[in-house]
């Protein structure tokens, strides 16, 4: 917010306050629990004033999802693809992703296990054309393409491979959240084992 004017900073601060208040209801009761009147009471604002910042409840939910997804993806997008092998980059990216998600575990579970259209519009990834709009998955796709170009990975469909790799990591992550598992070192070992096994199939040299 350093480059914003004072007016813009205040605007963003109020939006963030609204989103934080909405998230409290969101993680405890899902989308139906998000109530503009209750949010207004919590932050000392009128419901009418909230409409100056968000068109409706769906707009609040969409903004909240986008905000968290960007925060979660920051660790992955900061990895430099030329620093390590493609396998190590992907394993590190998955670990960083899981660690960050666990800071928002209830939010993540509510969003990812829901069939609500407002969530699926922001998170669905099985349609090939949707993968590029998700920041973390987009970086995985880019990394796979780099691996193919460098000859580290055999010629493969990068979109399908990204979908499969991400879905497997997602399975580990959801089990961690549901079981409220806290041993990060063992979680990292699971990720390494998963990536090792997957790379036996996609590595150009057929070795993990």
N, C-alpha and C. Protein backbone atom coordinates (compact mmCIF):
# COMPACT_ATOMS: atom_id res chain seq x y z
N UNK A 1 0.81 -1.21 0.00
CA UNK A 1 0.00 0.00 0.00
C UNK A 1 0.85 1.27 0.00
N UNK A 2 2.17 1.11 -0.12
CA UNK A 2 3.08 2.25 0.00
C UNK A 2 2.86 3.27 -1.11
N UNK A 3 2.45 2.82 -2.30
CA UNK A 3 2.28 3.73 -3.43
C UNK A 3 0.88 4.31 -3.54
N UNK A 4 0.00 3.99 -2.60
CA UNK A 4 -1.36 4.48 -2.63
C UNK A 4 -1.47 5.81 -1.90
N UNK A 5 -2.42 6.63 -2.33
CA UNK A 5 -2.69 7.87 -1.61
C UNK A 5 -3.34 7.54 -0.28
N UNK A 6 -3.41 8.52 0.61
CA UNK A 6 -4.03 8.30 1.92
C UNK A 6 -5.48 7.87 1.76
N UNK A 7 -6.18 8.46 0.81
CA UNK A 7 -7.58 8.09 0.57
C UNK A 7 -7.68 6.64 0.11
N UNK A 8 -6.78 6.25 -0.79
CA UNK A 8 -6.79 4.88 -1.30
C UNK A 8 -6.40 3.89 -0.20
N UNK A 9 -5.45 4.27 0.63
CA UNK A 9 -5.04 3.41 1.74
C UNK A 9 -6.21 3.19 2.70
N UNK A 10 -6.95 4.25 2.99
CA UNK A 10 -8.10 4.13 3.88
C UNK A 10 -9.16 3.22 3.26
N UNK A 11 -9.37 3.38 1.97
CA UNK A 11 -10.34 2.55 1.25
C UNK A 11 -9.96 1.07 1.35
N UNK A 12 -8.68 0.77 1.10
CA UNK A 12 -8.21 -0.61 1.16
C UNK A 12 -8.26 -1.16 2.58
N UNK A 13 -7.98 -0.31 3.56
CA UNK A 13 -8.02 -0.74 4.96
C UNK A 13 -9.44 -1.12 5.37
N UNK A 14 -10.41 -0.31 4.95
CA UNK A 14 -11.81 -0.62 5.27
C UNK A 14 -12.24 -1.90 4.57
N UNK A 15 -11.86 -2.08 3.32
CA UNK A 15 -12.19 -3.32 2.61
C UNK A 15 -11.60 -4.53 3.32
N UNK A 16 -10.36 -4.40 3.76
CA UNK A 16 -9.70 -5.49 4.47
C UNK A 16 -10.41 -5.79 5.79
N UNK A 17 -10.85 -4.74 6.49
CA UNK A 17 -11.58 -4.92 7.75
C UNK A 17 -12.89 -5.65 7.51
N UNK A 18 -13.58 -5.30 6.44
CA UNK A 18 -14.84 -5.98 6.09
C UNK A 18 -14.58 -7.45 5.78
N UNK A 19 -13.53 -7.72 5.01
CA UNK A 19 -13.22 -9.11 4.65
C UNK A 19 -12.83 -9.94 5.86
N UNK A 20 -12.06 -9.36 6.77
CA UNK A 20 -11.67 -10.09 7.98
C UNK A 20 -12.88 -10.43 8.84
N UNK A 21 -13.82 -9.48 8.94
CA UNK A 21 -15.04 -9.73 9.71
C UNK A 21 -15.89 -10.80 9.03
N UNK A 22 -15.97 -10.74 7.70
CA UNK A 22 -16.75 -11.72 6.96
C UNK A 22 -16.16 -13.12 7.10
N UNK A 23 -14.83 -13.20 7.14
CA UNK A 23 -14.17 -14.51 7.21
C UNK A 23 -14.51 -15.23 8.51
N UNK A 24 -14.69 -14.49 9.57
CA UNK A 24 -15.04 -15.10 10.86
C UNK A 24 -16.33 -15.90 10.74
N UNK A 25 -17.33 -15.32 10.08
CA UNK A 25 -18.60 -16.03 9.89
C UNK A 25 -18.46 -17.12 8.83
N UNK A 26 -17.66 -16.83 7.82
CA UNK A 26 -17.49 -17.75 6.71
C UNK A 26 -16.91 -19.08 7.15
N UNK A 27 -15.86 -19.05 7.97
CA UNK A 27 -15.21 -20.29 8.37
C UNK A 27 -16.02 -21.06 9.40
N UNK A 28 -16.90 -20.36 10.12
CA UNK A 28 -17.68 -21.05 11.15
C UNK A 28 -18.97 -21.65 10.61
N UNK A 29 -19.53 -21.04 9.57
CA UNK A 29 -20.81 -21.53 9.07
C UNK A 29 -20.99 -21.54 7.58
N UNK A 30 -19.91 -21.31 6.84
CA UNK A 30 -20.01 -21.32 5.39
C UNK A 30 -20.64 -20.05 4.84
N UNK A 31 -20.99 -20.10 3.57
CA UNK A 31 -21.48 -18.91 2.88
C UNK A 31 -22.78 -18.39 3.47
N UNK A 32 -23.63 -19.29 3.96
CA UNK A 32 -24.92 -18.86 4.51
C UNK A 32 -24.77 -18.05 5.79
N UNK A 33 -23.65 -18.22 6.48
CA UNK A 33 -23.44 -17.52 7.75
C UNK A 33 -22.94 -16.09 7.55
N UNK A 34 -22.52 -15.76 6.34
CA UNK A 34 -22.03 -14.41 6.07
C UNK A 34 -23.22 -13.48 5.94
N UNK A 35 -23.31 -12.54 6.86
CA UNK A 35 -24.46 -11.63 6.95
C UNK A 35 -23.96 -10.19 7.02
N UNK A 36 -24.38 -9.38 6.07
CA UNK A 36 -23.87 -8.01 6.00
C UNK A 36 -24.23 -7.20 7.24
N UNK A 37 -25.39 -7.44 7.79
CA UNK A 37 -25.81 -6.69 8.97
C UNK A 37 -24.91 -7.02 10.17
N UNK A 38 -24.60 -8.31 10.33
CA UNK A 38 -23.71 -8.71 11.43
C UNK A 38 -22.29 -8.18 11.22
N UNK A 39 -21.84 -8.22 9.98
CA UNK A 39 -20.52 -7.68 9.68
C UNK A 39 -20.46 -6.19 10.02
N UNK A 40 -21.51 -5.48 9.64
CA UNK A 40 -21.57 -4.04 9.92
C UNK A 40 -21.52 -3.76 11.42
N UNK A 41 -22.23 -4.57 12.19
CA UNK A 41 -22.22 -4.40 13.65
C UNK A 41 -20.82 -4.65 14.21
N UNK A 42 -20.17 -5.66 13.69
CA UNK A 42 -18.84 -6.03 14.19
C UNK A 42 -17.81 -4.92 13.97
N UNK A 43 -17.90 -4.24 12.86
CA UNK A 43 -16.87 -3.25 12.52
C UNK A 43 -17.34 -1.81 12.79
N UNK A 44 -18.54 -1.67 13.36
CA UNK A 44 -19.04 -0.33 13.67
C UNK A 44 -19.39 0.48 12.45
N UNK A 45 -19.88 -0.22 11.43
CA UNK A 45 -20.25 0.43 10.18
C UNK A 45 -21.72 0.15 9.92
N UNK A 46 -22.32 0.87 9.01
CA UNK A 46 -23.69 0.56 8.61
C UNK A 46 -23.64 -0.37 7.41
N UNK A 47 -24.67 -1.20 7.28
CA UNK A 47 -24.73 -2.11 6.13
C UNK A 47 -24.74 -1.33 4.82
N UNK A 48 -25.37 -0.17 4.85
CA UNK A 48 -25.43 0.68 3.65
C UNK A 48 -24.03 1.09 3.21
N UNK A 49 -23.19 1.43 4.17
CA UNK A 49 -21.83 1.84 3.83
C UNK A 49 -21.00 0.70 3.26
N UNK A 50 -21.29 -0.52 3.70
CA UNK A 50 -20.55 -1.66 3.16
C UNK A 50 -20.76 -1.78 1.65
N UNK A 51 -21.96 -1.40 1.19
CA UNK A 51 -22.25 -1.48 -0.24
C UNK A 51 -21.41 -0.49 -1.06
N UNK A 52 -20.77 0.44 -0.39
CA UNK A 52 -19.86 1.34 -1.10
C UNK A 52 -18.58 0.62 -1.52
N UNK A 53 -18.32 -0.49 -0.84
CA UNK A 53 -17.09 -1.23 -1.08
C UNK A 53 -17.33 -2.56 -1.79
N UNK A 54 -18.48 -3.15 -1.57
CA UNK A 54 -18.81 -4.43 -2.19
C UNK A 54 -20.26 -4.40 -2.66
N UNK A 55 -20.48 -4.90 -3.85
CA UNK A 55 -21.82 -4.85 -4.44
C UNK A 55 -22.83 -5.68 -3.67
N UNK A 56 -22.40 -6.85 -3.21
CA UNK A 56 -23.30 -7.74 -2.48
C UNK A 56 -22.46 -8.77 -1.71
N UNK A 57 -23.15 -9.73 -1.10
CA UNK A 57 -22.45 -10.75 -0.33
C UNK A 57 -21.52 -11.60 -1.20
N UNK A 58 -21.98 -11.94 -2.40
CA UNK A 58 -21.14 -12.74 -3.29
C UNK A 58 -19.84 -12.01 -3.62
N UNK A 59 -19.91 -10.70 -3.77
CA UNK A 59 -18.70 -9.92 -4.06
C UNK A 59 -17.72 -9.98 -2.89
N UNK A 60 -18.25 -9.98 -1.67
CA UNK A 60 -17.40 -10.12 -0.49
C UNK A 60 -16.73 -11.49 -0.48
N UNK A 61 -17.51 -12.53 -0.73
CA UNK A 61 -16.97 -13.89 -0.74
C UNK A 61 -15.90 -14.03 -1.82
N UNK A 62 -16.18 -13.53 -3.02
CA UNK A 62 -15.21 -13.62 -4.11
C UNK A 62 -13.92 -12.88 -3.77
N UNK A 63 -14.05 -11.70 -3.18
CA UNK A 63 -12.86 -10.92 -2.80
C UNK A 63 -12.07 -11.63 -1.72
N UNK A 64 -12.77 -12.26 -0.78
CA UNK A 64 -12.10 -12.98 0.30
C UNK A 64 -11.32 -14.18 -0.25
N UNK A 65 -11.95 -14.93 -1.15
CA UNK A 65 -11.28 -16.07 -1.76
C UNK A 65 -10.05 -15.62 -2.54
N UNK A 66 -10.22 -14.58 -3.34
CA UNK A 66 -9.10 -14.07 -4.14
C UNK A 66 -7.96 -13.60 -3.26
N UNK A 67 -8.28 -12.90 -2.18
CA UNK A 67 -7.26 -12.40 -1.27
C UNK A 67 -6.45 -13.54 -0.67
N UNK A 68 -7.14 -14.56 -0.17
CA UNK A 68 -6.43 -15.68 0.45
C UNK A 68 -5.64 -16.48 -0.58
N UNK A 69 -6.21 -16.66 -1.77
CA UNK A 69 -5.49 -17.42 -2.79
C UNK A 69 -4.20 -16.72 -3.19
N UNK A 70 -4.25 -15.39 -3.28
CA UNK A 70 -3.05 -14.64 -3.61
C UNK A 70 -2.01 -14.76 -2.50
N UNK A 71 -2.46 -14.68 -1.26
CA UNK A 71 -1.54 -14.80 -0.12
C UNK A 71 -0.90 -16.19 -0.08
N UNK A 72 -1.73 -17.20 -0.32
CA UNK A 72 -1.24 -18.58 -0.29
C UNK A 72 -0.24 -18.83 -1.42
N UNK A 73 -0.48 -18.21 -2.57
CA UNK A 73 0.37 -18.45 -3.74
C UNK A 73 1.69 -17.70 -3.69
N UNK A 74 1.81 -16.71 -2.82
CA UNK A 74 3.01 -15.87 -2.81
C UNK A 74 4.29 -16.67 -2.61
N UNK A 75 4.25 -17.65 -1.71
CA UNK A 75 5.45 -18.45 -1.45
C UNK A 75 5.89 -19.22 -2.69
N UNK A 76 4.90 -19.76 -3.41
CA UNK A 76 5.22 -20.55 -4.60
C UNK A 76 5.76 -19.66 -5.71
N UNK A 77 5.12 -18.53 -5.93
CA UNK A 77 5.52 -17.66 -7.03
C UNK A 77 6.87 -17.00 -6.78
N UNK A 78 7.36 -17.06 -5.53
CA UNK A 78 8.66 -16.45 -5.23
C UNK A 78 9.82 -17.40 -5.52
N UNK A 79 9.53 -18.67 -5.79
CA UNK A 79 10.59 -19.65 -6.07
C UNK A 79 11.19 -19.37 -7.45
N UNK A 80 12.50 -19.31 -7.54
CA UNK A 80 13.17 -19.08 -8.82
C UNK A 80 13.38 -20.41 -9.54
N UNK A 81 12.83 -20.55 -10.76
CA UNK A 81 12.89 -21.85 -11.44
C UNK A 81 14.28 -22.29 -11.85
N UNK A 82 15.27 -21.41 -11.82
CA UNK A 82 16.62 -21.80 -12.25
C UNK A 82 17.54 -22.15 -11.09
N UNK A 83 16.99 -22.19 -9.87
CA UNK A 83 17.83 -22.43 -8.70
C UNK A 83 18.02 -23.91 -8.39
N UNK A 84 17.07 -24.75 -8.75
CA UNK A 84 17.11 -26.17 -8.40
C UNK A 84 16.59 -27.00 -9.56
N UNK A 85 16.62 -28.32 -9.38
CA UNK A 85 16.01 -29.19 -10.37
C UNK A 85 14.50 -28.97 -10.37
N UNK A 86 13.86 -29.34 -11.46
CA UNK A 86 12.41 -29.16 -11.56
C UNK A 86 11.70 -29.95 -10.46
N UNK A 87 12.19 -31.16 -10.20
CA UNK A 87 11.57 -31.96 -9.14
C UNK A 87 11.67 -31.27 -7.79
N UNK A 88 12.83 -30.73 -7.49
CA UNK A 88 13.02 -30.05 -6.20
C UNK A 88 12.16 -28.78 -6.10
N UNK A 89 12.03 -28.07 -7.22
CA UNK A 89 11.20 -26.87 -7.24
C UNK A 89 9.75 -27.22 -6.94
N UNK A 90 9.25 -28.28 -7.57
CA UNK A 90 7.86 -28.68 -7.37
C UNK A 90 7.64 -29.16 -5.94
N UNK A 91 8.57 -29.97 -5.43
CA UNK A 91 8.43 -30.45 -4.05
C UNK A 91 8.44 -29.28 -3.07
N UNK A 92 9.36 -28.34 -3.26
CA UNK A 92 9.43 -27.18 -2.38
C UNK A 92 8.16 -26.34 -2.50
N UNK A 93 7.68 -26.16 -3.72
CA UNK A 93 6.44 -25.40 -3.91
C UNK A 93 5.26 -26.02 -3.19
N UNK A 94 5.13 -27.34 -3.27
CA UNK A 94 4.04 -28.02 -2.58
C UNK A 94 4.15 -27.86 -1.06
N UNK A 95 5.38 -27.99 -0.55
CA UNK A 95 5.57 -27.84 0.90
C UNK A 95 5.21 -26.43 1.36
N UNK A 96 5.70 -25.44 0.64
CA UNK A 96 5.39 -24.05 1.01
C UNK A 96 3.89 -23.78 0.92
N UNK A 97 3.27 -24.35 -0.10
CA UNK A 97 1.82 -24.19 -0.26
C UNK A 97 1.07 -24.77 0.93
N UNK A 98 1.42 -25.99 1.30
CA UNK A 98 0.75 -26.64 2.43
C UNK A 98 0.97 -25.86 3.72
N UNK A 99 2.19 -25.44 3.96
CA UNK A 99 2.49 -24.69 5.19
C UNK A 99 1.66 -23.41 5.26
N UNK A 100 1.54 -22.72 4.12
CA UNK A 100 0.78 -21.46 4.11
C UNK A 100 -0.71 -21.72 4.27
N UNK A 101 -1.21 -22.74 3.58
CA UNK A 101 -2.64 -23.06 3.69
C UNK A 101 -3.02 -23.36 5.14
N UNK A 102 -2.13 -24.00 5.87
CA UNK A 102 -2.45 -24.37 7.25
C UNK A 102 -2.64 -23.15 8.15
N UNK A 103 -2.21 -21.98 7.69
CA UNK A 103 -2.50 -20.75 8.43
C UNK A 103 -3.97 -20.35 8.26
N UNK A 104 -4.59 -20.86 7.20
CA UNK A 104 -5.99 -20.55 6.90
C UNK A 104 -6.79 -21.83 6.73
N UNK A 105 -6.50 -22.82 7.54
CA UNK A 105 -7.02 -24.17 7.29
C UNK A 105 -8.54 -24.21 7.22
N UNK A 106 -9.25 -23.50 8.11
CA UNK A 106 -10.71 -23.57 8.10
C UNK A 106 -11.28 -22.85 6.88
N UNK A 107 -10.68 -21.74 6.53
CA UNK A 107 -11.09 -21.03 5.31
C UNK A 107 -10.91 -21.94 4.10
N UNK A 108 -9.76 -22.56 4.00
CA UNK A 108 -9.43 -23.41 2.86
C UNK A 108 -10.39 -24.59 2.76
N UNK A 109 -10.64 -25.23 3.88
CA UNK A 109 -11.54 -26.38 3.89
C UNK A 109 -12.94 -25.97 3.45
N UNK A 110 -13.42 -24.84 3.96
CA UNK A 110 -14.76 -24.37 3.61
C UNK A 110 -14.87 -24.12 2.12
N UNK A 111 -13.85 -23.51 1.55
CA UNK A 111 -13.88 -23.18 0.12
C UNK A 111 -13.73 -24.43 -0.74
N UNK A 112 -12.74 -25.24 -0.45
CA UNK A 112 -12.37 -26.33 -1.34
C UNK A 112 -13.31 -27.53 -1.29
N UNK A 113 -14.04 -27.68 -0.21
CA UNK A 113 -14.95 -28.82 -0.11
C UNK A 113 -16.39 -28.43 -0.39
N UNK A 114 -16.59 -27.26 -0.96
CA UNK A 114 -17.94 -26.78 -1.24
C UNK A 114 -18.27 -26.91 -2.73
N UNK A 115 -19.55 -27.13 -3.01
CA UNK A 115 -20.03 -27.16 -4.40
C UNK A 115 -20.68 -25.84 -4.80
N UNK A 116 -20.64 -24.85 -3.91
CA UNK A 116 -21.24 -23.55 -4.21
C UNK A 116 -20.57 -22.95 -5.46
N UNK A 117 -21.39 -22.41 -6.35
CA UNK A 117 -20.88 -21.87 -7.61
C UNK A 117 -19.88 -20.75 -7.37
N UNK A 118 -20.13 -19.91 -6.37
CA UNK A 118 -19.23 -18.79 -6.11
C UNK A 118 -17.83 -19.29 -5.77
N UNK A 119 -17.73 -20.47 -5.16
CA UNK A 119 -16.42 -21.06 -4.85
C UNK A 119 -15.81 -21.73 -6.08
N UNK A 120 -16.63 -22.53 -6.77
CA UNK A 120 -16.12 -23.26 -7.93
C UNK A 120 -15.66 -22.31 -9.03
N UNK A 121 -16.31 -21.17 -9.15
CA UNK A 121 -15.89 -20.19 -10.15
C UNK A 121 -14.46 -19.73 -9.90
N UNK A 122 -14.05 -19.76 -8.63
CA UNK A 122 -12.71 -19.28 -8.27
C UNK A 122 -11.68 -20.40 -8.13
N UNK A 123 -12.13 -21.65 -7.95
CA UNK A 123 -11.18 -22.71 -7.59
C UNK A 123 -11.15 -23.90 -8.53
N UNK A 124 -12.15 -24.07 -9.40
CA UNK A 124 -12.19 -25.26 -10.25
C UNK A 124 -10.98 -25.29 -11.17
N UNK A 125 -10.44 -26.49 -11.42
CA UNK A 125 -9.21 -26.59 -12.21
C UNK A 125 -9.20 -27.79 -13.16
N UNK A 126 -10.31 -28.52 -13.26
CA UNK A 126 -10.31 -29.69 -14.13
C UNK A 126 -10.61 -29.34 -15.59
N UNK A 127 -11.22 -28.20 -15.84
CA UNK A 127 -11.34 -27.72 -17.21
C UNK A 127 -9.98 -27.14 -17.60
N UNK A 128 -9.38 -27.63 -18.68
CA UNK A 128 -8.02 -27.19 -19.04
C UNK A 128 -7.87 -25.67 -19.14
N UNK A 129 -8.94 -24.98 -19.55
CA UNK A 129 -8.83 -23.54 -19.75
C UNK A 129 -8.83 -22.76 -18.44
N UNK A 130 -9.16 -23.41 -17.32
CA UNK A 130 -9.26 -22.69 -16.05
C UNK A 130 -7.95 -22.67 -15.27
N UNK A 131 -7.01 -23.51 -15.64
CA UNK A 131 -5.80 -23.66 -14.82
C UNK A 131 -4.98 -22.38 -14.75
N UNK A 132 -4.95 -21.64 -15.84
CA UNK A 132 -4.11 -20.44 -15.90
C UNK A 132 -4.59 -19.30 -15.02
N UNK A 133 -5.84 -19.33 -14.57
CA UNK A 133 -6.32 -18.21 -13.75
C UNK A 133 -6.02 -18.42 -12.27
N UNK A 134 -5.49 -19.57 -11.90
CA UNK A 134 -5.15 -19.86 -10.51
C UNK A 134 -3.65 -19.64 -10.32
N UNK A 135 -3.24 -18.69 -9.49
CA UNK A 135 -1.82 -18.31 -9.44
C UNK A 135 -0.85 -19.43 -9.10
N UNK A 136 -1.17 -20.25 -8.11
CA UNK A 136 -0.25 -21.31 -7.71
C UNK A 136 -0.19 -22.41 -8.77
N UNK A 137 -1.36 -22.79 -9.29
CA UNK A 137 -1.39 -23.83 -10.32
C UNK A 137 -0.74 -23.35 -11.61
N UNK A 138 -0.91 -22.06 -11.90
CA UNK A 138 -0.26 -21.50 -13.09
C UNK A 138 1.25 -21.60 -12.98
N UNK A 139 1.79 -21.35 -11.80
CA UNK A 139 3.24 -21.46 -11.61
C UNK A 139 3.70 -22.92 -11.78
N UNK A 140 2.91 -23.88 -11.29
CA UNK A 140 3.24 -25.29 -11.49
C UNK A 140 3.28 -25.61 -12.98
N UNK A 141 2.29 -25.13 -13.71
CA UNK A 141 2.24 -25.36 -15.15
C UNK A 141 3.46 -24.77 -15.84
N UNK A 142 3.83 -23.56 -15.46
CA UNK A 142 5.01 -22.91 -16.04
C UNK A 142 6.28 -23.71 -15.73
N UNK A 143 6.36 -24.22 -14.50
CA UNK A 143 7.54 -24.99 -14.10
C UNK A 143 7.67 -26.28 -14.91
N UNK A 144 6.55 -26.94 -15.15
CA UNK A 144 6.57 -28.16 -15.96
C UNK A 144 7.03 -27.85 -17.38
N UNK A 145 6.56 -26.76 -17.93
CA UNK A 145 6.96 -26.38 -19.29
C UNK A 145 8.46 -26.10 -19.35
N UNK A 146 8.99 -25.45 -18.31
CA UNK A 146 10.43 -25.21 -18.24
C UNK A 146 11.18 -26.54 -18.19
N UNK A 147 10.67 -27.48 -17.39
CA UNK A 147 11.30 -28.79 -17.28
C UNK A 147 11.34 -29.53 -18.60
N UNK A 148 10.27 -29.41 -19.38
CA UNK A 148 10.22 -30.04 -20.70
C UNK A 148 11.24 -29.38 -21.63
N UNK A 149 11.26 -28.05 -21.62
CA UNK A 149 12.18 -27.31 -22.49
C UNK A 149 13.64 -27.60 -22.14
N UNK A 150 13.93 -27.79 -20.85
CA UNK A 150 15.31 -28.05 -20.40
C UNK A 150 15.70 -29.51 -20.60
N UNK A 151 14.74 -30.36 -20.93
CA UNK A 151 15.04 -31.77 -21.11
C UNK A 151 15.03 -32.57 -19.82
N UNK A 152 14.63 -31.96 -18.71
CA UNK A 152 14.55 -32.69 -17.44
C UNK A 152 13.32 -33.60 -17.41
N UNK A 153 12.28 -33.20 -18.11
CA UNK A 153 11.05 -33.98 -18.18
C UNK A 153 10.85 -34.46 -19.60
N UNK A 154 10.24 -35.62 -19.74
CA UNK A 154 9.95 -36.11 -21.08
C UNK A 154 8.81 -35.29 -21.67
N UNK A 155 8.60 -35.44 -22.97
CA UNK A 155 7.51 -34.74 -23.63
C UNK A 155 6.18 -35.26 -23.08
N UNK A 156 5.40 -34.37 -22.51
CA UNK A 156 4.13 -34.76 -21.91
C UNK A 156 3.15 -33.60 -22.01
N UNK A 157 1.91 -33.87 -21.68
CA UNK A 157 0.89 -32.83 -21.67
C UNK A 157 1.03 -32.06 -20.35
N UNK A 158 1.54 -30.83 -20.38
CA UNK A 158 1.79 -30.12 -19.12
C UNK A 158 0.52 -29.80 -18.35
N UNK A 159 -0.58 -29.58 -19.04
CA UNK A 159 -1.83 -29.24 -18.35
C UNK A 159 -2.34 -30.44 -17.57
N UNK A 160 -2.45 -31.59 -18.23
CA UNK A 160 -2.92 -32.79 -17.53
C UNK A 160 -1.96 -33.17 -16.40
N UNK A 161 -0.67 -33.04 -16.65
CA UNK A 161 0.32 -33.38 -15.61
C UNK A 161 0.18 -32.45 -14.41
N UNK A 162 -0.01 -31.16 -14.66
CA UNK A 162 -0.21 -30.20 -13.57
C UNK A 162 -1.48 -30.53 -12.79
N UNK A 163 -2.54 -30.90 -13.49
CA UNK A 163 -3.79 -31.26 -12.82
C UNK A 163 -3.60 -32.47 -11.91
N UNK A 164 -2.90 -33.48 -12.41
CA UNK A 164 -2.69 -34.70 -11.62
C UNK A 164 -1.77 -34.43 -10.43
N UNK A 165 -0.66 -33.73 -10.67
CA UNK A 165 0.27 -33.43 -9.58
C UNK A 165 -0.42 -32.61 -8.49
N UNK A 166 -1.16 -31.60 -8.91
CA UNK A 166 -1.82 -30.73 -7.92
C UNK A 166 -2.89 -31.50 -7.15
N UNK A 167 -3.64 -32.34 -7.84
CA UNK A 167 -4.71 -33.09 -7.19
C UNK A 167 -4.15 -34.04 -6.14
N UNK A 168 -3.00 -34.65 -6.42
CA UNK A 168 -2.38 -35.53 -5.43
C UNK A 168 -1.92 -34.77 -4.20
N UNK A 169 -1.29 -33.61 -4.42
CA UNK A 169 -0.88 -32.78 -3.30
C UNK A 169 -2.09 -32.33 -2.49
N UNK A 170 -3.17 -31.99 -3.20
CA UNK A 170 -4.41 -31.57 -2.55
C UNK A 170 -4.95 -32.68 -1.65
N UNK A 171 -4.83 -33.92 -2.09
CA UNK A 171 -5.27 -35.05 -1.27
C UNK A 171 -4.52 -35.12 0.05
N UNK A 172 -3.20 -34.94 -0.01
CA UNK A 172 -2.40 -34.91 1.22
C UNK A 172 -2.84 -33.76 2.11
N UNK A 173 -3.01 -32.59 1.51
CA UNK A 173 -3.37 -31.39 2.27
C UNK A 173 -4.71 -31.53 2.97
N UNK A 174 -5.70 -32.05 2.27
CA UNK A 174 -7.02 -32.20 2.88
C UNK A 174 -6.98 -33.20 4.03
N UNK A 175 -6.22 -34.28 3.89
CA UNK A 175 -6.10 -35.23 5.00
C UNK A 175 -5.45 -34.55 6.20
N UNK A 176 -4.44 -33.74 5.96
CA UNK A 176 -3.77 -33.01 7.04
C UNK A 176 -4.76 -32.11 7.77
N UNK A 177 -5.59 -31.40 7.00
CA UNK A 177 -6.56 -30.49 7.60
C UNK A 177 -7.64 -31.24 8.36
N UNK A 178 -8.20 -32.27 7.75
CA UNK A 178 -9.29 -33.02 8.38
C UNK A 178 -8.82 -33.72 9.65
N UNK A 179 -7.60 -34.26 9.61
CA UNK A 179 -7.06 -34.95 10.79
C UNK A 179 -6.40 -34.00 11.78
N UNK A 180 -6.37 -32.72 11.43
CA UNK A 180 -5.73 -31.70 12.27
C UNK A 180 -4.31 -32.12 12.63
N UNK A 181 -3.61 -32.59 11.60
CA UNK A 181 -2.25 -33.12 11.80
C UNK A 181 -1.27 -31.96 11.87
N UNK A 182 -0.31 -32.03 12.79
CA UNK A 182 0.54 -30.88 13.07
C UNK A 182 2.03 -31.10 12.78
N UNK A 183 2.43 -32.32 12.48
CA UNK A 183 3.85 -32.62 12.31
C UNK A 183 4.31 -32.19 10.92
N UNK A 184 4.82 -30.96 10.80
CA UNK A 184 5.21 -30.43 9.50
C UNK A 184 6.36 -31.21 8.88
N UNK A 185 7.26 -31.71 9.70
CA UNK A 185 8.40 -32.48 9.17
C UNK A 185 7.91 -33.74 8.46
N UNK A 186 6.93 -34.42 9.07
CA UNK A 186 6.41 -35.64 8.44
C UNK A 186 5.59 -35.30 7.20
N UNK A 187 4.86 -34.20 7.25
CA UNK A 187 4.11 -33.76 6.07
C UNK A 187 5.07 -33.51 4.91
N UNK A 188 6.20 -32.87 5.20
CA UNK A 188 7.20 -32.63 4.16
C UNK A 188 7.73 -33.95 3.59
N UNK A 189 7.90 -34.94 4.45
CA UNK A 189 8.37 -36.25 3.99
C UNK A 189 7.34 -36.90 3.07
N UNK A 190 6.06 -36.74 3.40
CA UNK A 190 5.00 -37.27 2.54
C UNK A 190 5.05 -36.61 1.16
N UNK A 191 5.24 -35.30 1.15
CA UNK A 191 5.33 -34.57 -0.12
C UNK A 191 6.52 -35.06 -0.93
N UNK A 192 7.67 -35.22 -0.29
CA UNK A 192 8.86 -35.71 -1.00
C UNK A 192 8.61 -37.09 -1.60
N UNK A 193 7.98 -37.96 -0.81
CA UNK A 193 7.69 -39.32 -1.29
C UNK A 193 6.73 -39.27 -2.48
N UNK A 194 5.71 -38.45 -2.37
CA UNK A 194 4.73 -38.30 -3.46
C UNK A 194 5.41 -37.81 -4.74
N UNK A 195 6.20 -36.75 -4.62
CA UNK A 195 6.86 -36.19 -5.80
C UNK A 195 7.86 -37.18 -6.37
N UNK A 196 8.60 -37.89 -5.52
CA UNK A 196 9.54 -38.91 -6.00
C UNK A 196 8.83 -39.94 -6.87
N UNK A 197 7.70 -40.45 -6.37
CA UNK A 197 6.97 -41.48 -7.11
C UNK A 197 6.40 -40.93 -8.41
N UNK A 198 5.88 -39.72 -8.38
CA UNK A 198 5.32 -39.13 -9.59
C UNK A 198 6.40 -38.90 -10.64
N UNK A 199 7.60 -38.51 -10.18
CA UNK A 199 8.66 -38.22 -11.14
C UNK A 199 9.24 -39.47 -11.77
N UNK A 200 9.00 -40.63 -11.21
CA UNK A 200 9.40 -41.86 -11.87
C UNK A 200 8.67 -42.01 -13.20
N UNK A 201 7.49 -41.38 -13.29
CA UNK A 201 6.72 -41.46 -14.53
C UNK A 201 6.99 -40.35 -15.51
N UNK A 202 7.40 -39.17 -15.03
CA UNK A 202 7.52 -38.04 -15.94
C UNK A 202 8.96 -37.57 -16.16
N UNK A 203 9.90 -38.09 -15.38
CA UNK A 203 11.30 -37.69 -15.54
C UNK A 203 11.85 -38.20 -16.87
N UNK A 204 12.61 -37.37 -17.54
CA UNK A 204 13.15 -37.75 -18.85
C UNK A 204 14.08 -38.95 -18.74
N UNK A 205 14.76 -39.09 -17.61
CA UNK A 205 15.70 -40.20 -17.41
C UNK A 205 15.07 -41.40 -16.73
N UNK A 206 13.74 -41.30 -16.46
CA UNK A 206 13.00 -42.40 -15.84
C UNK A 206 13.49 -42.72 -14.44
N UNK A 207 14.19 -41.78 -13.80
CA UNK A 207 14.65 -41.98 -12.44
C UNK A 207 14.20 -40.80 -11.59
N UNK A 208 13.86 -41.09 -10.32
CA UNK A 208 13.50 -40.01 -9.40
C UNK A 208 14.75 -39.30 -8.95
